[in-house]
Amino acid sequence: QVRLAESGGGLVQAGGSLRLSCAASGHRSVMGWFRQAPGKEREFVVTALDWSSTIYIADSVKGRFTISRDNAKNTADLQMNNLKPEDTAVYYCAAAQYRALGAAGWGMTRNYDDWGPGTQVTVSS
């Protein structure tokens, strides 16, 4: 099992930016981010596949969020721009071994092997 640790959460005004970082204790082929708002299910945000350089991203954050991976350091950063109050949530880093899945599969929590404890992001209006 790989341990994941997130950092970089906090409070920001609407329209602002935050950068979250995820550090893994070992290599995983897939690293991504999910989020969970109070009273809601955990939802997919973005994920990156290292063997194909493919990135899948949720429509709700497309054009505002980007993911970047450093395979040498086993890190995955989430750059969040033009933040909105509805982006408020606990953000979780997730990682997985290789599987032959497409966009739908990688959007499901059950296909990830490792999870970080989460970091809170609060966007004020």
N, C-alpha and C. Protein backbone atom coordinates (compact mmCIF):
# COMPACT_ATOMS: atom_id res chain seq x y z
N GLN A 1 0.84 -1.19 0.00
CA GLN A 1 0.00 0.00 0.00
C GLN A 1 0.88 1.25 0.00
N VAL A 2 0.42 2.26 -0.70
CA VAL A 2 1.13 3.53 -0.78
C VAL A 2 0.44 4.54 0.11
N ARG A 3 1.21 5.28 0.88
CA ARG A 3 0.63 6.33 1.73
C ARG A 3 0.61 7.64 0.97
N LEU A 4 -0.50 8.37 1.13
CA LEU A 4 -0.66 9.65 0.45
C LEU A 4 -0.85 10.74 1.49
N ALA A 5 -0.31 11.91 1.22
CA ALA A 5 -0.46 13.04 2.13
C ALA A 5 -0.72 14.29 1.32
N GLU A 6 -1.85 14.95 1.61
CA GLU A 6 -2.20 16.20 0.93
C GLU A 6 -1.75 17.41 1.73
N SER A 7 -1.54 18.51 1.04
CA SER A 7 -1.24 19.77 1.69
C SER A 7 -1.72 20.91 0.79
N GLY A 8 -1.86 22.10 1.38
CA GLY A 8 -2.18 23.28 0.58
C GLY A 8 -3.60 23.77 0.68
N GLY A 9 -4.46 23.12 1.44
CA GLY A 9 -5.83 23.60 1.56
C GLY A 9 -5.89 24.89 2.37
N GLY A 10 -7.09 25.49 2.39
CA GLY A 10 -7.26 26.70 3.17
C GLY A 10 -8.51 27.46 2.77
N LEU A 11 -8.55 28.71 3.20
CA LEU A 11 -9.69 29.59 2.93
C LEU A 11 -9.29 30.61 1.86
N VAL A 12 -10.15 30.79 0.87
CA VAL A 12 -9.87 31.72 -0.22
C VAL A 12 -11.17 32.37 -0.64
N GLN A 13 -11.08 33.59 -1.15
CA GLN A 13 -12.27 34.26 -1.66
C GLN A 13 -12.61 33.76 -3.06
N ALA A 14 -13.86 33.89 -3.41
CA ALA A 14 -14.30 33.50 -4.75
C ALA A 14 -13.48 34.26 -5.79
N GLY A 15 -13.08 33.53 -6.83
CA GLY A 15 -12.24 34.10 -7.87
C GLY A 15 -10.75 33.90 -7.62
N GLY A 16 -10.40 33.46 -6.42
CA GLY A 16 -9.02 33.25 -6.07
C GLY A 16 -8.50 31.90 -6.51
N SER A 17 -7.26 31.60 -6.12
CA SER A 17 -6.58 30.38 -6.52
C SER A 17 -5.97 29.68 -5.32
N LEU A 18 -5.86 28.37 -5.42
CA LEU A 18 -5.15 27.55 -4.45
C LEU A 18 -4.43 26.44 -5.20
N ARG A 19 -3.35 25.98 -4.61
CA ARG A 19 -2.63 24.84 -5.17
C ARG A 19 -2.52 23.76 -4.10
N LEU A 20 -3.05 22.59 -4.40
CA LEU A 20 -2.95 21.45 -3.50
C LEU A 20 -1.83 20.53 -3.98
N SER A 21 -1.15 19.94 -3.02
CA SER A 21 -0.09 18.99 -3.35
C SER A 21 -0.37 17.65 -2.71
N CYS A 22 0.00 16.59 -3.41
CA CYS A 22 -0.13 15.24 -2.89
C CYS A 22 1.21 14.54 -3.05
N ALA A 23 1.71 14.02 -1.95
CA ALA A 23 2.97 13.29 -1.97
C ALA A 23 2.69 11.83 -1.65
N ALA A 24 3.19 10.93 -2.48
CA ALA A 24 3.00 9.49 -2.30
C ALA A 24 4.29 8.85 -1.82
N SER A 25 4.15 7.82 -1.01
CA SER A 25 5.33 7.12 -0.47
C SER A 25 5.96 6.18 -1.48
N GLY A 26 5.26 5.94 -2.60
CA GLY A 26 5.78 5.09 -3.65
C GLY A 26 5.11 5.41 -4.96
N HIS A 27 5.49 4.72 -5.99
CA HIS A 27 4.94 5.01 -7.31
C HIS A 27 3.56 4.37 -7.50
N ARG A 28 2.68 5.14 -8.09
CA ARG A 28 1.40 4.63 -8.55
C ARG A 28 1.17 5.13 -9.97
N SER A 29 0.65 4.28 -10.83
CA SER A 29 0.44 4.66 -12.23
C SER A 29 -0.63 5.73 -12.39
N VAL A 30 -1.57 5.75 -11.49
CA VAL A 30 -2.67 6.71 -11.56
C VAL A 30 -2.68 7.54 -10.28
N MET A 31 -2.74 8.84 -10.44
CA MET A 31 -2.90 9.74 -9.29
C MET A 31 -3.93 10.79 -9.65
N GLY A 32 -4.81 11.07 -8.72
CA GLY A 32 -5.87 12.03 -9.00
C GLY A 32 -6.44 12.63 -7.75
N TRP A 33 -7.52 13.38 -7.96
CA TRP A 33 -8.17 14.10 -6.87
C TRP A 33 -9.68 13.91 -6.91
N PHE A 34 -10.26 13.72 -5.76
CA PHE A 34 -11.70 13.71 -5.55
C PHE A 34 -12.02 14.77 -4.51
N ARG A 35 -13.31 15.08 -4.35
CA ARG A 35 -13.71 16.01 -3.30
C ARG A 35 -15.06 15.61 -2.72
N GLN A 36 -15.29 16.04 -1.49
CA GLN A 36 -16.54 15.70 -0.83
C GLN A 36 -17.03 16.91 -0.04
N ALA A 37 -18.18 17.42 -0.43
CA ALA A 37 -18.81 18.53 0.27
C ALA A 37 -19.71 17.97 1.37
N PRO A 38 -20.01 18.78 2.39
CA PRO A 38 -20.86 18.30 3.49
C PRO A 38 -22.20 17.79 2.99
N GLY A 39 -22.56 16.58 3.42
CA GLY A 39 -23.84 16.01 3.05
C GLY A 39 -23.90 15.43 1.66
N LYS A 40 -22.78 15.42 0.97
CA LYS A 40 -22.76 14.91 -0.41
C LYS A 40 -21.79 13.74 -0.54
N GLU A 41 -21.94 12.99 -1.63
CA GLU A 41 -21.02 11.88 -1.88
C GLU A 41 -19.69 12.43 -2.42
N ARG A 42 -18.68 11.60 -2.26
CA ARG A 42 -17.37 11.96 -2.81
C ARG A 42 -17.46 11.96 -4.33
N GLU A 43 -16.96 13.02 -4.95
CA GLU A 43 -17.06 13.12 -6.40
C GLU A 43 -15.69 13.29 -7.04
N PHE A 44 -15.62 12.82 -8.26
CA PHE A 44 -14.40 12.87 -9.05
C PHE A 44 -14.08 14.30 -9.47
N VAL A 45 -12.78 14.65 -9.44
CA VAL A 45 -12.34 15.96 -9.91
C VAL A 45 -11.44 15.80 -11.13
N VAL A 46 -10.32 15.11 -10.97
CA VAL A 46 -9.35 14.98 -12.06
C VAL A 46 -8.43 13.82 -11.75
N THR A 47 -7.93 13.16 -12.81
CA THR A 47 -6.95 12.10 -12.61
C THR A 47 -5.99 12.05 -13.79
N ALA A 48 -4.78 11.56 -13.55
CA ALA A 48 -3.75 11.50 -14.58
C ALA A 48 -3.15 10.10 -14.64
N LEU A 49 -3.06 9.56 -15.85
CA LEU A 49 -2.52 8.22 -16.09
C LEU A 49 -1.11 8.37 -16.63
N ASP A 50 -0.12 7.78 -15.95
CA ASP A 50 1.25 8.06 -16.36
C ASP A 50 1.67 7.29 -17.60
N TRP A 51 1.05 6.13 -17.93
CA TRP A 51 1.51 5.35 -19.07
C TRP A 51 1.05 5.91 -20.41
N SER A 52 0.04 6.78 -20.38
CA SER A 52 -0.47 7.34 -21.63
C SER A 52 -0.52 8.85 -21.60
N SER A 53 -0.13 9.44 -20.47
CA SER A 53 -0.23 10.89 -20.29
C SER A 53 -1.65 11.39 -20.46
N THR A 54 -2.62 10.53 -20.21
CA THR A 54 -4.03 10.90 -20.33
C THR A 54 -4.50 11.56 -19.04
N ILE A 55 -5.30 12.60 -19.21
CA ILE A 55 -5.91 13.28 -18.07
C ILE A 55 -7.41 13.30 -18.26
N TYR A 56 -8.12 12.86 -17.26
CA TYR A 56 -9.57 12.95 -17.25
C TYR A 56 -9.96 14.01 -16.22
N ILE A 57 -10.94 14.85 -16.56
CA ILE A 57 -11.30 15.94 -15.66
C ILE A 57 -12.81 16.14 -15.68
N ALA A 58 -13.36 16.46 -14.53
CA ALA A 58 -14.80 16.67 -14.42
C ALA A 58 -15.21 17.95 -15.14
N ASP A 59 -16.38 17.92 -15.74
CA ASP A 59 -16.88 19.10 -16.46
C ASP A 59 -17.00 20.31 -15.55
N SER A 60 -17.32 20.07 -14.29
CA SER A 60 -17.56 21.17 -13.35
C SER A 60 -16.31 22.01 -13.07
N VAL A 61 -15.14 21.44 -13.33
CA VAL A 61 -13.89 22.17 -13.05
C VAL A 61 -13.05 22.39 -14.30
N LYS A 62 -13.50 21.89 -15.43
CA LYS A 62 -12.73 22.01 -16.66
C LYS A 62 -12.52 23.49 -17.00
N GLY A 63 -11.28 23.81 -17.35
CA GLY A 63 -10.95 25.20 -17.66
C GLY A 63 -10.52 26.00 -16.45
N ARG A 64 -10.71 25.43 -15.25
CA ARG A 64 -10.31 26.14 -14.02
C ARG A 64 -9.26 25.35 -13.23
N PHE A 65 -9.35 24.03 -13.25
CA PHE A 65 -8.43 23.19 -12.49
C PHE A 65 -7.50 22.45 -13.45
N THR A 66 -6.27 22.26 -13.02
CA THR A 66 -5.33 21.43 -13.78
C THR A 66 -4.54 20.55 -12.81
N ILE A 67 -4.10 19.40 -13.32
CA ILE A 67 -3.28 18.49 -12.53
C ILE A 67 -1.91 18.39 -13.17
N SER A 68 -0.91 18.29 -12.33
CA SER A 68 0.44 18.07 -12.84
C SER A 68 1.12 17.03 -11.97
N ARG A 69 1.83 16.11 -12.64
CA ARG A 69 2.50 15.04 -11.92
C ARG A 69 4.00 15.14 -12.10
N ASP A 70 4.71 14.76 -11.05
CA ASP A 70 6.15 14.60 -11.13
C ASP A 70 6.44 13.16 -10.75
N ASN A 71 6.63 12.32 -11.75
CA ASN A 71 6.81 10.89 -11.49
C ASN A 71 8.09 10.59 -10.72
N ALA A 72 9.10 11.42 -10.89
CA ALA A 72 10.35 11.22 -10.16
C ALA A 72 10.17 11.44 -8.67
N LYS A 73 9.27 12.34 -8.31
CA LYS A 73 9.03 12.66 -6.91
C LYS A 73 7.77 12.01 -6.36
N ASN A 74 7.01 11.33 -7.21
CA ASN A 74 5.73 10.71 -6.81
C ASN A 74 4.78 11.75 -6.22
N THR A 75 4.61 12.83 -6.93
CA THR A 75 3.69 13.89 -6.49
C THR A 75 2.67 14.20 -7.57
N ALA A 76 1.53 14.74 -7.13
CA ALA A 76 0.49 15.19 -8.04
C ALA A 76 -0.11 16.46 -7.46
N ASP A 77 0.03 17.55 -8.16
CA ASP A 77 -0.47 18.83 -7.70
C ASP A 77 -1.76 19.20 -8.42
N LEU A 78 -2.64 19.86 -7.69
CA LEU A 78 -3.90 20.32 -8.25
C LEU A 78 -3.92 21.84 -8.17
N GLN A 79 -3.83 22.49 -9.33
CA GLN A 79 -3.91 23.94 -9.40
C GLN A 79 -5.37 24.33 -9.63
N MET A 80 -5.91 25.14 -8.73
CA MET A 80 -7.31 25.52 -8.79
C MET A 80 -7.41 27.03 -8.95
N ASN A 81 -7.95 27.45 -10.07
CA ASN A 81 -8.11 28.88 -10.37
C ASN A 81 -9.59 29.25 -10.45
N ASN A 82 -9.87 30.54 -10.33
CA ASN A 82 -11.24 31.03 -10.42
C ASN A 82 -12.18 30.20 -9.54
N LEU A 83 -11.80 30.05 -8.30
CA LEU A 83 -12.56 29.21 -7.39
C LEU A 83 -13.94 29.81 -7.11
N LYS A 84 -14.90 28.92 -6.91
CA LYS A 84 -16.29 29.30 -6.65
C LYS A 84 -16.72 28.73 -5.30
N PRO A 85 -17.71 29.33 -4.66
CA PRO A 85 -18.18 28.78 -3.38
C PRO A 85 -18.57 27.30 -3.47
N GLU A 86 -19.07 26.88 -4.60
CA GLU A 86 -19.46 25.47 -4.76
C GLU A 86 -18.27 24.53 -4.85
N ASP A 87 -17.06 25.06 -4.91
CA ASP A 87 -15.86 24.23 -4.86
C ASP A 87 -15.48 23.87 -3.42
N THR A 88 -16.16 24.46 -2.45
CA THR A 88 -15.88 24.17 -1.05
C THR A 88 -16.10 22.69 -0.76
N ALA A 89 -15.08 22.04 -0.22
CA ALA A 89 -15.14 20.60 0.04
C ALA A 89 -13.84 20.16 0.70
N VAL A 90 -13.85 18.93 1.17
CA VAL A 90 -12.60 18.27 1.53
C VAL A 90 -12.06 17.61 0.27
N TYR A 91 -10.83 17.89 -0.05
CA TYR A 91 -10.21 17.35 -1.25
C TYR A 91 -9.30 16.18 -0.88
N TYR A 92 -9.48 15.07 -1.58
CA TYR A 92 -8.74 13.86 -1.31
C TYR A 92 -7.85 13.48 -2.50
N CYS A 93 -6.61 13.18 -2.20
CA CYS A 93 -5.73 12.60 -3.19
C CYS A 93 -6.00 11.10 -3.26
N ALA A 94 -6.00 10.55 -4.46
CA ALA A 94 -6.24 9.12 -4.65
C ALA A 94 -5.23 8.57 -5.63
N ALA A 95 -4.88 7.30 -5.47
CA ALA A 95 -3.90 6.67 -6.34
C ALA A 95 -4.30 5.23 -6.63
N ALA A 96 -3.82 4.73 -7.76
CA ALA A 96 -4.19 3.37 -8.14
C ALA A 96 -3.10 2.75 -9.00
N GLN A 97 -3.10 1.42 -9.02
CA GLN A 97 -2.24 0.68 -9.94
C GLN A 97 -2.90 0.67 -11.32
N TYR A 98 -2.13 0.20 -12.29
CA TYR A 98 -2.67 0.17 -13.65
C TYR A 98 -3.91 -0.73 -13.73
N ARG A 99 -4.91 -0.23 -14.42
CA ARG A 99 -6.08 -1.00 -14.80
C ARG A 99 -6.52 -0.51 -16.17
N ALA A 100 -7.11 -1.41 -16.94
CA ALA A 100 -7.59 -1.04 -18.28
C ALA A 100 -8.97 -0.42 -18.17
N LEU A 101 -9.01 0.83 -17.77
CA LEU A 101 -10.26 1.55 -17.59
C LEU A 101 -10.27 2.80 -18.46
N GLY A 102 -11.47 3.28 -18.73
CA GLY A 102 -11.62 4.53 -19.44
C GLY A 102 -12.05 5.63 -18.49
N ALA A 103 -12.58 6.68 -19.06
CA ALA A 103 -12.94 7.86 -18.27
C ALA A 103 -13.96 7.52 -17.18
N ALA A 104 -14.96 6.74 -17.53
CA ALA A 104 -15.99 6.39 -16.55
C ALA A 104 -15.41 5.62 -15.38
N GLY A 105 -14.56 4.66 -15.69
CA GLY A 105 -13.97 3.84 -14.63
C GLY A 105 -13.09 4.62 -13.70
N TRP A 106 -12.29 5.50 -14.23
CA TRP A 106 -11.38 6.27 -13.39
C TRP A 106 -12.11 7.38 -12.64
N GLY A 107 -13.35 7.57 -12.92
CA GLY A 107 -14.15 8.51 -12.14
C GLY A 107 -14.82 7.89 -10.94
N MET A 108 -14.57 6.63 -10.70
CA MET A 108 -15.23 5.91 -9.60
C MET A 108 -14.27 5.68 -8.44
N THR A 109 -14.71 5.97 -7.23
CA THR A 109 -13.85 5.82 -6.06
C THR A 109 -13.39 4.37 -5.88
N ARG A 110 -14.22 3.42 -6.25
CA ARG A 110 -13.91 2.01 -5.99
C ARG A 110 -12.70 1.51 -6.78
N ASN A 111 -12.28 2.24 -7.79
CA ASN A 111 -11.15 1.80 -8.61
C ASN A 111 -9.82 2.35 -8.14
N TYR A 112 -9.82 3.04 -7.02
CA TYR A 112 -8.58 3.58 -6.46
C TYR A 112 -8.15 2.76 -5.25
N ASP A 113 -6.85 2.56 -5.14
CA ASP A 113 -6.29 1.69 -4.10
C ASP A 113 -5.90 2.43 -2.83
N ASP A 114 -5.53 3.69 -2.99
CA ASP A 114 -4.96 4.43 -1.86
C ASP A 114 -5.63 5.80 -1.76
N TRP A 115 -5.78 6.27 -0.52
CA TRP A 115 -6.42 7.56 -0.28
C TRP A 115 -5.66 8.34 0.79
N GLY A 116 -5.58 9.65 0.59
CA GLY A 116 -5.04 10.49 1.63
C GLY A 116 -6.11 10.87 2.63
N PRO A 117 -5.74 11.51 3.72
CA PRO A 117 -6.71 11.88 4.76
C PRO A 117 -7.59 13.06 4.37
N GLY A 118 -7.19 13.81 3.35
CA GLY A 118 -7.99 14.94 2.88
C GLY A 118 -7.50 16.27 3.41
N THR A 119 -7.82 17.33 2.66
CA THR A 119 -7.48 18.69 3.06
C THR A 119 -8.67 19.60 2.74
N GLN A 120 -9.01 20.48 3.66
CA GLN A 120 -10.20 21.31 3.51
C GLN A 120 -9.91 22.51 2.61
N VAL A 121 -10.82 22.74 1.68
CA VAL A 121 -10.80 23.95 0.84
C VAL A 121 -12.12 24.67 1.06
N THR A 122 -12.06 25.92 1.47
CA THR A 122 -13.25 26.72 1.70
C THR A 122 -13.18 27.98 0.85
N VAL A 123 -14.21 28.19 0.04
CA VAL A 123 -14.26 29.36 -0.84
C VAL A 123 -15.40 30.25 -0.36
N SER A 124 -15.06 31.46 0.04
CA SER A 124 -16.07 32.39 0.54
C SER A 124 -16.58 33.28 -0.59
N SER A 125 -17.85 33.65 -0.49
CA SER A 125 -18.45 34.48 -1.56
C SER A 125 -18.29 35.95 -1.26
